[in-house]
Amino acid sequence: MCSCGFHSSSSGVSRVRSTDGGHGNLLAISDLHIGYDENRALVEKMRPESDDDWLLVAGDVGEVVADIRWALETLSGRFRKVIWVPGNHELWTHPKDPVQLRGVARYEHLVAVCRELGVITPEDPYPVWEGPGGPAVVTPLFLLYDYSFLPQGCATKEQGMAYAQGTGVICTDEHVLHPDPYPSREAWCRARVAETERRLAELPDDLPTIPVNHYPLDRHPTDVLRYPEFAMWCGTRLTADWHRRFRAEAMVYGHLHIPRTTWHEGVRFEEVSVGYPREWRLRPGPPATLRRILPMEVKAGDGGAAPGVGRGRGDLR
């Protein structure tokens, strides 16, 4: 067992949960988008490498609650532990979804679904990975974005949105991701950042972390976007130092549909998305390959995408 035991917040609620050690792998995937039949088939074939493997799911499983439930139930029946964070697609109030909840109510409904399935969410105590490469606290995060990754030459959200509209690059979130009861998505983001920062600051100082978020904690992964203005929907500057401040061993994210490993200020950033069928068909190797986060499978200096991956987010949905 990890020597840290349990760590409790001032409210008495445990924020770190010790787990039994094992000999498995800490694996990750994101952007499953199982509304596509080809992607659903990939999930049906997805298996762990050992009985002790954990799986991190970094958002965008799907848009419809029934689909999200199916995927997480399927995966949680195969992996020792599944940890999920929401992407923007899970938060959409999609017209084809019988569950028409919006904003916080929708997120809370998804958390309740996960708890029925035994899947860990950002609302639960952070688990400690004590297998090979550990110990490390896995910290599932739900932070959203606040439009602070502005296009070059823009100083405000209004200027950035005007620029994006001029190029025809507007994320579908603007129409179907509702922030209720918050007045805006950026207000919801800032509330999430403040609460999450408080929780992370309570973690033991002697343990590294594995932050898992749908969006990267730092802007640098968006530098290779095909449409740079799409970065406004890809994170917040408020977390730019979190990978250092909170001792990240590796930062796991998705959303960009550019699966690759980069290194930033000595920290490994792992983009683990599957993406849409028309994207993954163009990549070398088999689709939906689970990325091993611990024990580490890449070396320092492995700084970019696999050959042929190219520049992502050609589809702005």
C-alpha atoms as a PDB file:
ATOM      1  CA  MET A   1       0.000   0.000   0.000  1.00  0.00           C
ATOM      2  CA  CYS A   2       1.118   3.564  -0.614  1.00  0.00           C
ATOM      3  CA  SER A   3       2.712   5.154   2.441  1.00  0.00           C
ATOM      4  CA  CYS A   4       0.527   8.221   1.995  1.00  0.00           C
ATOM      5  CA  GLY A   5      -2.556   6.377   3.253  1.00  0.00           C
ATOM      6  CA  PHE A   6      -5.562   8.666   3.131  1.00  0.00           C
ATOM      7  CA  HIS A   7      -5.510  12.420   2.798  1.00  0.00           C
ATOM      8  CA  SER A   8      -8.554  14.353   3.980  1.00  0.00           C
ATOM      9  CA  SER A   9      -9.703  17.866   3.249  1.00  0.00           C
ATOM     10  CA  SER A  10     -10.807  20.313   5.906  1.00  0.00           C
ATOM     11  CA  SER A  11     -14.381  19.193   5.272  1.00  0.00           C
ATOM     12  CA  GLY A  12     -13.469  15.643   6.279  1.00  0.00           C
ATOM     13  CA  VAL A  13     -14.052  14.210   2.811  1.00  0.00           C
ATOM     14  CA  SER A  14     -11.254  11.956   1.588  1.00  0.00           C
ATOM     15  CA  ARG A  15      -9.539  13.432  -1.480  1.00  0.00           C
ATOM     16  CA  VAL A  16      -7.111  10.563  -2.107  1.00  0.00           C
ATOM     17  CA  ARG A  17      -8.067   6.893  -2.073  1.00  0.00           C
ATOM     18  CA  SER A  18      -5.323   4.308  -1.666  1.00  0.00           C
ATOM     19  CA  THR A  19      -5.595   1.223  -3.866  1.00  0.00           C
ATOM     20  CA  ASP A  20      -4.053  -2.223  -3.938  1.00  0.00           C
ATOM     21  CA  GLY A  21      -0.789  -2.462  -5.805  1.00  0.00           C
ATOM     22  CA  GLY A  22      -0.654  -4.575  -8.936  1.00  0.00           C
ATOM     23  CA  HIS A  23       1.368  -5.425 -11.990  1.00  0.00           C
ATOM     24  CA  GLY A  24      -0.794  -3.895 -14.676  1.00  0.00           C
ATOM     25  CA  ASN A  25      -0.664  -0.858 -16.915  1.00  0.00           C
ATOM     26  CA  LEU A  26      -2.194   2.590 -16.608  1.00  0.00           C
ATOM     27  CA  LEU A  27      -3.741   2.993 -20.065  1.00  0.00           C
ATOM     28  CA  ALA A  28      -5.572   5.893 -21.699  1.00  0.00           C
ATOM     29  CA  ILE A  29      -7.908   6.695 -24.588  1.00  0.00           C
ATOM     30  CA  SER A  30     -10.207   9.580 -25.526  1.00  0.00           C
ATOM     31  CA  ASP A  31     -12.557  10.880 -28.187  1.00  0.00           C
ATOM     32  CA  LEU A  32     -14.189   7.516 -28.847  1.00  0.00           C
ATOM     33  CA  HIS A  33     -17.155   9.192 -30.592  1.00  0.00           C
ATOM     34  CA  ILE A  34     -19.209   6.013 -30.614  1.00  0.00           C
ATOM     35  CA  GLY A  35     -22.041   7.664 -32.527  1.00  0.00           C
ATOM     36  CA  TYR A  36     -20.028   6.359 -35.496  1.00  0.00           C
ATOM     37  CA  ASP A  37     -20.586   2.633 -36.076  1.00  0.00           C
ATOM     38  CA  GLU A  38     -16.908   2.139 -36.889  1.00  0.00           C
ATOM     39  CA  ASN A  39     -15.887   3.664 -33.552  1.00  0.00           C
ATOM     40  CA  ARG A  40     -18.443   1.630 -31.628  1.00  0.00           C
ATOM     41  CA  ALA A  41     -16.909  -1.472 -33.189  1.00  0.00           C
ATOM     42  CA  LEU A  42     -13.490  -0.366 -31.932  1.00  0.00           C
ATOM     43  CA  VAL A  43     -14.816  -0.156 -28.370  1.00  0.00           C
ATOM     44  CA  GLU A  44     -16.370  -3.618 -28.698  1.00  0.00           C
ATOM     45  CA  LYS A  45     -12.896  -4.994 -29.478  1.00  0.00           C
ATOM     46  CA  MET A  46     -11.042  -3.029 -26.803  1.00  0.00           C
ATOM     47  CA  ARG A  47      -9.410  -5.250 -24.169  1.00  0.00           C
ATOM     48  CA  PRO A  48      -6.901  -4.805 -21.327  1.00  0.00           C
ATOM     49  CA  GLU A  49      -3.436  -6.308 -21.493  1.00  0.00           C
ATOM     50  CA  SER A  50      -3.717  -7.739 -17.972  1.00  0.00           C
ATOM     51  CA  ASP A  51      -6.282  -8.215 -15.216  1.00  0.00           C
ATOM     52  CA  ASP A  52      -4.742  -5.274 -13.310  1.00  0.00           C
ATOM     53  CA  ASP A  53      -4.986  -2.644 -16.064  1.00  0.00           C
ATOM     54  CA  TRP A  54      -6.686   0.694 -15.403  1.00  0.00           C
ATOM     55  CA  LEU A  55      -8.181   2.773 -18.219  1.00  0.00           C
ATOM     56  CA  LEU A  56      -8.337   6.578 -18.323  1.00  0.00           C
ATOM     57  CA  VAL A  57     -11.109   7.866 -20.626  1.00  0.00           C
ATOM     58  CA  ALA A  58     -10.439  11.536 -21.386  1.00  0.00           C
ATOM     59  CA  GLY A  59     -13.834  12.580 -22.698  1.00  0.00           C
ATOM     60  CA  ASP A  60     -15.941  12.681 -25.861  1.00  0.00           C
ATOM     61  CA  VAL A  61     -17.273   9.147 -25.529  1.00  0.00           C
ATOM     62  CA  GLY A  62     -20.457  10.312 -27.282  1.00  0.00           C
ATOM     63  CA  GLU A  63     -23.319  12.785 -27.274  1.00  0.00           C
ATOM     64  CA  VAL A  64     -26.259  10.605 -26.166  1.00  0.00           C
ATOM     65  CA  VAL A  65     -26.491   9.399 -22.569  1.00  0.00           C
ATOM     66  CA  ALA A  66     -27.467   5.857 -23.596  1.00  0.00           C
ATOM     67  CA  ASP A  67     -24.349   5.615 -25.784  1.00  0.00           C
ATOM     68  CA  ILE A  68     -22.110   6.965 -23.027  1.00  0.00           C
ATOM     69  CA  ARG A  69     -23.573   4.449 -20.571  1.00  0.00           C
ATOM     70  CA  TRP A  70     -23.054   1.567 -23.012  1.00  0.00           C
ATOM     71  CA  ALA A  71     -19.401   2.429 -23.647  1.00  0.00           C
ATOM     72  CA  LEU A  72     -18.481   2.971 -19.995  1.00  0.00           C
ATOM     73  CA  GLU A  73     -20.369  -0.138 -18.897  1.00  0.00           C
ATOM     74  CA  THR A  74     -18.585  -2.175 -21.571  1.00  0.00           C
ATOM     75  CA  LEU A  75     -15.165  -0.891 -20.569  1.00  0.00           C
ATOM     76  CA  SER A  76     -15.731  -1.057 -16.813  1.00  0.00           C
ATOM     77  CA  GLY A  77     -16.611  -4.734 -17.203  1.00  0.00           C
ATOM     78  CA  ARG A  78     -13.170  -5.410 -18.696  1.00  0.00           C
ATOM     79  CA  PHE A  79     -10.698  -3.148 -16.887  1.00  0.00           C
ATOM     80  CA  ARG A  80      -9.829  -3.248 -13.191  1.00  0.00           C
ATOM     81  CA  LYS A  81     -10.688   0.434 -12.901  1.00  0.00           C
ATOM     82  CA  VAL A  82     -12.095   2.998 -15.353  1.00  0.00           C
ATOM     83  CA  ILE A  83     -11.678   6.736 -14.763  1.00  0.00           C
ATOM     84  CA  TRP A  84     -13.755   9.139 -16.885  1.00  0.00           C
ATOM     85  CA  VAL A  85     -13.724  12.888 -17.427  1.00  0.00           C
ATOM     86  CA  PRO A  86     -16.291  14.708 -19.590  1.00  0.00           C
ATOM     87  CA  GLY A  87     -15.502  16.179 -22.961  1.00  0.00           C
ATOM     88  CA  ASN A  88     -17.544  18.848 -24.633  1.00  0.00           C
ATOM     89  CA  HIS A  89     -19.602  16.265 -26.561  1.00  0.00           C
ATOM     90  CA  GLU A  90     -20.934  14.597 -23.399  1.00  0.00           C
ATOM     91  CA  LEU A  91     -22.132  18.011 -22.235  1.00  0.00           C
ATOM     92  CA  TRP A  92     -24.068  18.757 -25.413  1.00  0.00           C
ATOM     93  CA  THR A  93     -27.841  18.819 -25.098  1.00  0.00           C
ATOM     94  CA  HIS A  94     -28.246  16.961 -28.381  1.00  0.00           C
ATOM     95  CA  PRO A  95     -31.660  17.112 -30.066  1.00  0.00           C
ATOM     96  CA  LYS A  96     -31.560  13.323 -30.613  1.00  0.00           C
ATOM     97  CA  ASP A  97     -30.947  12.556 -26.932  1.00  0.00           C
ATOM     98  CA  PRO A  98     -34.069  11.748 -24.862  1.00  0.00           C
ATOM     99  CA  VAL A  99     -32.165  13.194 -21.879  1.00  0.00           C
ATOM    100  CA  GLN A 100     -32.559  16.927 -22.450  1.00  0.00           C
ATOM    101  CA  LEU A 101     -30.808  18.109 -19.294  1.00  0.00           C
ATOM    102  CA  ARG A 102     -28.568  21.159 -19.654  1.00  0.00           C
ATOM    103  CA  GLY A 103     -25.339  22.372 -18.113  1.00  0.00           C
ATOM    104  CA  VAL A 104     -24.588  21.369 -14.539  1.00  0.00           C
ATOM    105  CA  ALA A 105     -27.693  19.159 -14.345  1.00  0.00           C
ATOM    106  CA  ARG A 106     -26.487  17.150 -17.344  1.00  0.00           C
ATOM    107  CA  TYR A 107     -23.007  16.762 -15.891  1.00  0.00           C
ATOM    108  CA  GLU A 108     -24.423  15.626 -12.547  1.00  0.00           C
ATOM    109  CA  HIS A 109     -26.623  13.100 -14.348  1.00  0.00           C
ATOM    110  CA  LEU A 110     -23.551  11.652 -16.079  1.00  0.00           C
ATOM    111  CA  VAL A 111     -21.700  11.468 -12.767  1.00  0.00           C
ATOM    112  CA  ALA A 112     -24.643   9.503 -11.337  1.00  0.00           C
ATOM    113  CA  VAL A 113     -24.493   7.106 -14.305  1.00  0.00           C
ATOM    114  CA  CYS A 114     -20.781   6.580 -13.706  1.00  0.00           C
ATOM    115  CA  ARG A 115     -21.319   5.856 -10.037  1.00  0.00           C
ATOM    116  CA  GLU A 116     -23.897   3.197 -10.936  1.00  0.00           C
ATOM    117  CA  LEU A 117     -21.218   1.571 -13.085  1.00  0.00           C
ATOM    118  CA  GLY A 118     -18.365   1.950 -10.606  1.00  0.00           C
ATOM    119  CA  VAL A 119     -16.555   4.429 -12.875  1.00  0.00           C
ATOM    120  CA  ILE A 120     -14.501   7.152 -11.149  1.00  0.00           C
ATOM    121  CA  THR A 121     -15.306  10.782 -12.039  1.00  0.00           C
ATOM    122  CA  PRO A 122     -13.864  14.221 -11.196  1.00  0.00           C
ATOM    123  CA  GLU A 123     -16.288  14.333  -8.261  1.00  0.00           C
ATOM    124  CA  ASP A 124     -14.790  11.303  -6.513  1.00  0.00           C
ATOM    125  CA  PRO A 125     -11.703  10.866  -4.303  1.00  0.00           C
ATOM    126  CA  TYR A 126      -8.586  10.741  -6.448  1.00  0.00           C
ATOM    127  CA  PRO A 127      -7.226   7.169  -6.721  1.00  0.00           C
ATOM    128  CA  VAL A 128      -3.541   6.345  -6.289  1.00  0.00           C
ATOM    129  CA  TRP A 129      -1.945   4.200  -8.984  1.00  0.00           C
ATOM    130  CA  GLU A 130       0.445   1.867  -7.161  1.00  0.00           C
ATOM    131  CA  GLY A 131       1.362  -0.378 -10.071  1.00  0.00           C
ATOM    132  CA  PRO A 132       4.533  -0.151 -12.200  1.00  0.00           C
ATOM    133  CA  GLY A 133       5.753   3.422 -12.499  1.00  0.00           C
ATOM    134  CA  GLY A 134       3.819   4.469  -9.392  1.00  0.00           C
ATOM    135  CA  PRO A 135       2.820   5.589  -6.921  1.00  0.00           C
ATOM    136  CA  ALA A 136       1.042   8.537  -8.523  1.00  0.00           C
ATOM    137  CA  VAL A 137      -2.273  10.229  -7.824  1.00  0.00           C
ATOM    138  CA  VAL A 138      -4.601  10.056 -10.823  1.00  0.00           C
ATOM    139  CA  THR A 139      -6.536  13.334 -10.856  1.00  0.00           C
ATOM    140  CA  PRO A 140      -9.565  13.344 -13.197  1.00  0.00           C
ATOM    141  CA  LEU A 141     -10.395  16.975 -13.990  1.00  0.00           C
ATOM    142  CA  PHE A 142     -13.403  18.807 -15.389  1.00  0.00           C
ATOM    143  CA  LEU A 143     -12.334  22.361 -16.228  1.00  0.00           C
ATOM    144  CA  LEU A 144     -13.920  23.459 -19.550  1.00  0.00           C
ATOM    145  CA  TYR A 145     -12.455  26.515 -21.353  1.00  0.00           C
ATOM    146  CA  ASP A 146     -12.722  30.294 -21.043  1.00  0.00           C
ATOM    147  CA  TYR A 147     -11.740  31.585 -24.527  1.00  0.00           C
ATOM    148  CA  SER A 148      -8.352  32.767 -23.219  1.00  0.00           C
ATOM    149  CA  PHE A 149      -6.427  30.893 -25.951  1.00  0.00           C
ATOM    150  CA  LEU A 150      -7.039  33.843 -28.270  1.00  0.00           C
ATOM    151  CA  PRO A 151      -6.031  34.103 -31.948  1.00  0.00           C
ATOM    152  CA  GLN A 152      -2.896  36.091 -32.653  1.00  0.00           C
ATOM    153  CA  GLY A 153      -3.599  39.814 -32.592  1.00  0.00           C
ATOM    154  CA  CYS A 154      -6.798  39.495 -30.521  1.00  0.00           C
ATOM    155  CA  ALA A 155      -6.957  40.860 -26.966  1.00  0.00           C
ATOM    156  CA  THR A 156     -10.527  39.978 -25.924  1.00  0.00           C
ATOM    157  CA  LYS A 157     -13.046  37.190 -26.368  1.00  0.00           C
ATOM    158  CA  GLU A 158     -15.176  39.496 -28.494  1.00  0.00           C
ATOM    159  CA  GLN A 159     -12.278  40.145 -30.873  1.00  0.00           C
ATOM    160  CA  GLY A 160     -11.445  36.448 -30.994  1.00  0.00           C
ATOM    161  CA  MET A 161     -15.026  35.429 -31.750  1.00  0.00           C
ATOM    162  CA  ALA A 162     -15.292  38.058 -34.469  1.00  0.00           C
ATOM    163  CA  TYR A 163     -12.086  36.745 -36.023  1.00  0.00           C
ATOM    164  CA  ALA A 164     -13.311  33.129 -35.820  1.00  0.00           C
ATOM    165  CA  GLN A 165     -16.647  34.039 -37.378  1.00  0.00           C
ATOM    166  CA  GLY A 166     -14.792  35.745 -40.199  1.00  0.00           C
ATOM    167  CA  THR A 167     -12.925  32.527 -40.944  1.00  0.00           C
ATOM    168  CA  GLY A 168     -16.011  30.333 -40.537  1.00  0.00           C
ATOM    169  CA  VAL A 169     -14.509  28.481 -37.564  1.00  0.00           C
ATOM    170  CA  ILE A 170     -17.134  28.290 -34.810  1.00  0.00           C
ATOM    171  CA  CYS A 171     -17.355  25.321 -32.436  1.00  0.00           C
ATOM    172  CA  THR A 172     -20.741  23.584 -32.201  1.00  0.00           C
ATOM    173  CA  ASP A 173     -20.535  24.124 -28.437  1.00  0.00           C
ATOM    174  CA  GLU A 174     -21.830  27.646 -29.055  1.00  0.00           C
ATOM    175  CA  HIS A 175     -25.206  26.124 -29.936  1.00  0.00           C
ATOM    176  CA  VAL A 176     -25.582  22.969 -27.811  1.00  0.00           C
ATOM    177  CA  LEU A 177     -23.253  23.186 -24.765  1.00  0.00           C
ATOM    178  CA  HIS A 178     -25.271  25.168 -22.241  1.00  0.00           C
ATOM    179  CA  PRO A 179     -23.707  26.495 -19.009  1.00  0.00           C
ATOM    180  CA  ASP A 180     -26.909  26.585 -16.895  1.00  0.00           C
ATOM    181  CA  PRO A 181     -27.153  27.848 -14.208  1.00  0.00           C
ATOM    182  CA  TYR A 182     -23.936  29.788 -14.901  1.00  0.00           C
ATOM    183  CA  PRO A 183     -24.293  32.880 -17.102  1.00  0.00           C
ATOM    184  CA  SER A 184     -21.578  31.692 -19.520  1.00  0.00           C
ATOM    185  CA  ARG A 185     -19.251  28.810 -20.309  1.00  0.00           C
ATOM    186  CA  GLU A 186     -16.276  30.862 -19.116  1.00  0.00           C
ATOM    187  CA  ALA A 187     -17.993  31.503 -15.764  1.00  0.00           C
ATOM    188  CA  TRP A 188     -18.575  27.762 -15.376  1.00  0.00           C
ATOM    189  CA  CYS A 189     -14.940  27.153 -16.319  1.00  0.00           C
ATOM    190  CA  ARG A 190     -13.615  29.583 -13.731  1.00  0.00           C
ATOM    191  CA  ALA A 191     -15.754  28.045 -10.994  1.00  0.00           C
ATOM    192  CA  ARG A 192     -14.475  24.580 -11.901  1.00  0.00           C
ATOM    193  CA  VAL A 193     -10.869  25.788 -11.974  1.00  0.00           C
ATOM    194  CA  ALA A 194     -11.168  27.392  -8.534  1.00  0.00           C
ATOM    195  CA  GLU A 195     -12.666  24.297  -6.892  1.00  0.00           C
ATOM    196  CA  THR A 196     -10.251  21.920  -8.615  1.00  0.00           C
ATOM    197  CA  GLU A 197      -7.241  24.055  -7.695  1.00  0.00           C
ATOM    198  CA  ARG A 198      -8.302  23.878  -4.066  1.00  0.00           C
ATOM    199  CA  ARG A 199      -8.550  20.080  -4.195  1.00  0.00           C
ATOM    200  CA  LEU A 200      -5.192  19.656  -5.937  1.00  0.00           C
ATOM    201  CA  ALA A 201      -3.487  21.900  -3.396  1.00  0.00           C
ATOM    202  CA  GLU A 202      -4.582  19.471  -0.657  1.00  0.00           C
ATOM    203  CA  LEU A 203      -2.710  16.518  -2.184  1.00  0.00           C
ATOM    204  CA  PRO A 204       0.385  15.111  -0.439  1.00  0.00           C
ATOM    205  CA  ASP A 205       3.509  16.987  -1.515  1.00  0.00           C
ATOM    206  CA  ASP A 206       5.503  13.772  -1.922  1.00  0.00           C
ATOM    207  CA  LEU A 207       3.308  12.218  -4.615  1.00  0.00           C
ATOM    208  CA  PRO A 208       3.434  12.954  -8.357  1.00  0.00           C
ATOM    209  CA  THR A 209       0.154  13.273 -10.233  1.00  0.00           C
ATOM    210  CA  ILE A 210      -1.365  12.110 -13.493  1.00  0.00           C
ATOM    211  CA  PRO A 211      -3.820  14.895 -14.436  1.00  0.00           C
ATOM    212  CA  VAL A 212      -6.522  13.703 -16.847  1.00  0.00           C
ATOM    213  CA  ASN A 213      -8.560  16.393 -18.588  1.00  0.00           C
ATOM    214  CA  HIS A 214     -10.343  16.599 -21.919  1.00  0.00           C
ATOM    215  CA  TYR A 215      -8.337  19.713 -22.775  1.00  0.00           C
ATOM    216  CA  PRO A 216      -4.569  20.229 -22.367  1.00  0.00           C
ATOM    217  CA  LEU A 217      -3.496  22.176 -19.284  1.00  0.00           C
ATOM    218  CA  ASP A 218      -1.158  24.292 -21.414  1.00  0.00           C
ATOM    219  CA  ARG A 219      -1.747  25.893 -24.808  1.00  0.00           C
ATOM    220  CA  HIS A 220       1.318  24.495 -26.592  1.00  0.00           C
ATOM    221  CA  PRO A 221      -0.415  21.388 -28.059  1.00  0.00           C
ATOM    222  CA  THR A 222      -2.772  23.662 -30.020  1.00  0.00           C
ATOM    223  CA  ASP A 223       0.116  25.191 -31.966  1.00  0.00           C
ATOM    224  CA  VAL A 224      -0.293  22.558 -34.709  1.00  0.00           C
ATOM    225  CA  LEU A 225      -4.040  22.970 -35.228  1.00  0.00           C
ATOM    226  CA  ARG A 226      -5.107  23.240 -38.854  1.00  0.00           C
ATOM    227  CA  TYR A 227      -7.346  26.121 -37.775  1.00  0.00           C
ATOM    228  CA  PRO A 228      -5.456  27.983 -35.014  1.00  0.00           C
ATOM    229  CA  GLU A 229      -8.530  29.998 -34.001  1.00  0.00           C
ATOM    230  CA  PHE A 230     -10.140  26.760 -32.763  1.00  0.00           C
ATOM    231  CA  ALA A 231      -7.772  26.988 -29.768  1.00  0.00           C
ATOM    232  CA  MET A 232     -10.335  29.268 -28.064  1.00  0.00           C
ATOM    233  CA  TRP A 233     -12.400  26.135 -27.359  1.00  0.00           C
ATOM    234  CA  CYS A 234      -9.403  24.121 -26.126  1.00  0.00           C
ATOM    235  CA  GLY A 235      -8.615  25.175 -22.557  1.00  0.00           C
ATOM    236  CA  THR A 236      -7.725  28.032 -20.243  1.00  0.00           C
ATOM    237  CA  ARG A 237      -4.586  29.994 -19.412  1.00  0.00           C
ATOM    238  CA  LEU A 238      -5.502  29.620 -15.720  1.00  0.00           C
ATOM    239  CA  THR A 239      -3.960  26.125 -15.693  1.00  0.00           C
ATOM    240  CA  ALA A 240      -0.735  26.954 -17.573  1.00  0.00           C
ATOM    241  CA  ASP A 241       1.503  26.158 -14.580  1.00  0.00           C
ATOM    242  CA  TRP A 242      -0.441  23.229 -13.133  1.00  0.00           C
ATOM    243  CA  HIS A 243       1.754  20.551 -14.712  1.00  0.00           C
ATOM    244  CA  ARG A 244       4.682  21.953 -12.693  1.00  0.00           C
ATOM    245  CA  ARG A 245       2.831  23.221  -9.659  1.00  0.00           C
ATOM    246  CA  PHE A 246       1.069  19.914  -9.027  1.00  0.00           C
ATOM    247  CA  ARG A 247       4.000  17.619  -9.887  1.00  0.00           C
ATOM    248  CA  ALA A 248       2.603  16.038 -13.046  1.00  0.00           C
ATOM    249  CA  GLU A 249       4.336  12.853 -14.116  1.00  0.00           C
ATOM    250  CA  ALA A 250       2.298  12.973 -17.321  1.00  0.00           C
ATOM    251  CA  MET A 251      -0.640  15.087 -18.472  1.00  0.00           C
ATOM    252  CA  VAL A 252      -3.349  13.097 -20.337  1.00  0.00           C
ATOM    253  CA  TYR A 253      -5.810  14.849 -22.650  1.00  0.00           C
ATOM    254  CA  GLY A 254      -7.720  14.547 -25.941  1.00  0.00           C
ATOM    255  CA  HIS A 255     -10.029  16.877 -27.894  1.00  0.00           C
ATOM    256  CA  LEU A 256      -7.513  17.934 -30.566  1.00  0.00           C
ATOM    257  CA  HIS A 257      -7.659  14.660 -32.517  1.00  0.00           C
ATOM    258  CA  ILE A 258      -3.865  14.796 -32.864  1.00  0.00           C
ATOM    259  CA  PRO A 259      -2.651  11.694 -30.979  1.00  0.00           C
ATOM    260  CA  ARG A 260       0.984  12.245 -30.036  1.00  0.00           C
ATOM    261  CA  THR A 261       3.481  12.733 -27.228  1.00  0.00           C
ATOM    262  CA  THR A 262       5.053  16.118 -26.527  1.00  0.00           C
ATOM    263  CA  TRP A 263       7.311  17.361 -23.749  1.00  0.00           C
ATOM    264  CA  HIS A 264       6.830  20.759 -22.146  1.00  0.00           C
ATOM    265  CA  GLU A 265       9.027  22.076 -19.326  1.00  0.00           C
ATOM    266  CA  GLY A 266      10.144  18.536 -18.621  1.00  0.00           C
ATOM    267  CA  VAL A 267       6.595  17.141 -18.386  1.00  0.00           C
ATOM    268  CA  ARG A 268       5.122  14.588 -20.775  1.00  0.00           C
ATOM    269  CA  PHE A 269       1.837  15.577 -22.453  1.00  0.00           C
ATOM    270  CA  GLU A 270      -0.095  12.649 -23.951  1.00  0.00           C
ATOM    271  CA  GLU A 271      -2.871  13.291 -26.492  1.00  0.00           C
ATOM    272  CA  VAL A 272      -4.739   9.975 -26.616  1.00  0.00           C
ATOM    273  CA  SER A 273      -7.712  10.556 -28.932  1.00  0.00           C
ATOM    274  CA  VAL A 274      -9.244   8.161 -31.452  1.00  0.00           C
ATOM    275  CA  GLY A 275     -11.145  10.818 -33.414  1.00  0.00           C
ATOM    276  CA  TYR A 276     -13.521  10.377 -36.326  1.00  0.00           C
ATOM    277  CA  PRO A 277     -13.216   7.425 -38.742  1.00  0.00           C
ATOM    278  CA  ARG A 278     -12.099   9.641 -41.618  1.00  0.00           C
ATOM    279  CA  GLU A 279      -9.224  10.789 -39.390  1.00  0.00           C
ATOM    280  CA  TRP A 280      -7.998   7.523 -37.929  1.00  0.00           C
ATOM    281  CA  ARG A 281      -8.162   5.722 -41.276  1.00  0.00           C
ATOM    282  CA  LEU A 282      -5.334   8.002 -42.472  1.00  0.00           C
ATOM    283  CA  ARG A 283      -3.003   7.151 -39.587  1.00  0.00           C
ATOM    284  CA  PRO A 284      -0.361   4.436 -39.663  1.00  0.00           C
ATOM    285  CA  GLY A 285      -0.955   1.442 -37.460  1.00  0.00           C
ATOM    286  CA  PRO A 286      -4.160   0.034 -35.984  1.00  0.00           C
ATOM    287  CA  PRO A 287      -6.876   2.437 -34.757  1.00  0.00           C
ATOM    288  CA  ALA A 288      -7.883   2.942 -31.129  1.00  0.00           C
ATOM    289  CA  THR A 289      -4.552   1.783 -29.716  1.00  0.00           C
ATOM    290  CA  LEU A 290      -4.586   2.294 -25.951  1.00  0.00           C
ATOM    291  CA  ARG A 291      -1.741   4.577 -24.828  1.00  0.00           C
ATOM    292  CA  ARG A 292       0.312   3.303 -21.919  1.00  0.00           C
ATOM    293  CA  ILE A 293       0.881   6.147 -19.459  1.00  0.00           C
ATOM    294  CA  LEU A 294       2.599   4.101 -16.731  1.00  0.00           C
ATOM    295  CA  PRO A 295       4.988   2.435 -16.895  1.00  0.00           C
ATOM    296  CA  MET A 296       6.210   4.999 -19.422  1.00  0.00           C
ATOM    297  CA  GLU A 297       6.511   3.681 -22.983  1.00  0.00           C
ATOM    298  CA  VAL A 298       8.114   6.757 -24.568  1.00  0.00           C
ATOM    299  CA  LYS A 299      11.477   8.333 -23.910  1.00  0.00           C
ATOM    300  CA  ALA A 300      12.489  11.919 -23.315  1.00  0.00           C
ATOM    301  CA  GLY A 301      12.964  13.552 -26.681  1.00  0.00           C
ATOM    302  CA  ASP A 302      10.032  11.784 -28.352  1.00  0.00           C
ATOM    303  CA  GLY A 303       8.560  15.140 -29.199  1.00  0.00           C
ATOM    304  CA  GLY A 304       5.919  14.811 -31.868  1.00  0.00           C
ATOM    305  CA  ALA A 305       3.226  12.947 -33.691  1.00  0.00           C
ATOM    306  CA  ALA A 306       3.699   9.566 -35.253  1.00  0.00           C
ATOM    307  CA  PRO A 307       4.622   9.778 -38.941  1.00  0.00           C
ATOM    308  CA  GLY A 308       1.629  10.594 -41.085  1.00  0.00           C
ATOM    309  CA  VAL A 309      -0.642  11.905 -38.317  1.00  0.00           C
ATOM    310  CA  GLY A 310      -0.711  15.452 -39.671  1.00  0.00           C
ATOM    311  CA  ARG A 311      -2.478  18.512 -38.318  1.00  0.00           C
ATOM    312  CA  GLY A 312      -5.721  17.966 -36.466  1.00  0.00           C
ATOM    313  CA  ARG A 313      -9.199  19.395 -36.001  1.00  0.00           C
ATOM    314  CA  GLY A 314     -10.129  19.692 -39.622  1.00  0.00           C
ATOM    315  CA  ASP A 315     -13.637  18.916 -38.400  1.00  0.00           C
ATOM    316  CA  LEU A 316     -14.882  21.600 -35.997  1.00  0.00           C
ATOM    317  CA  ARG A 317     -17.816  19.813 -34.436  1.00  0.00           C
END
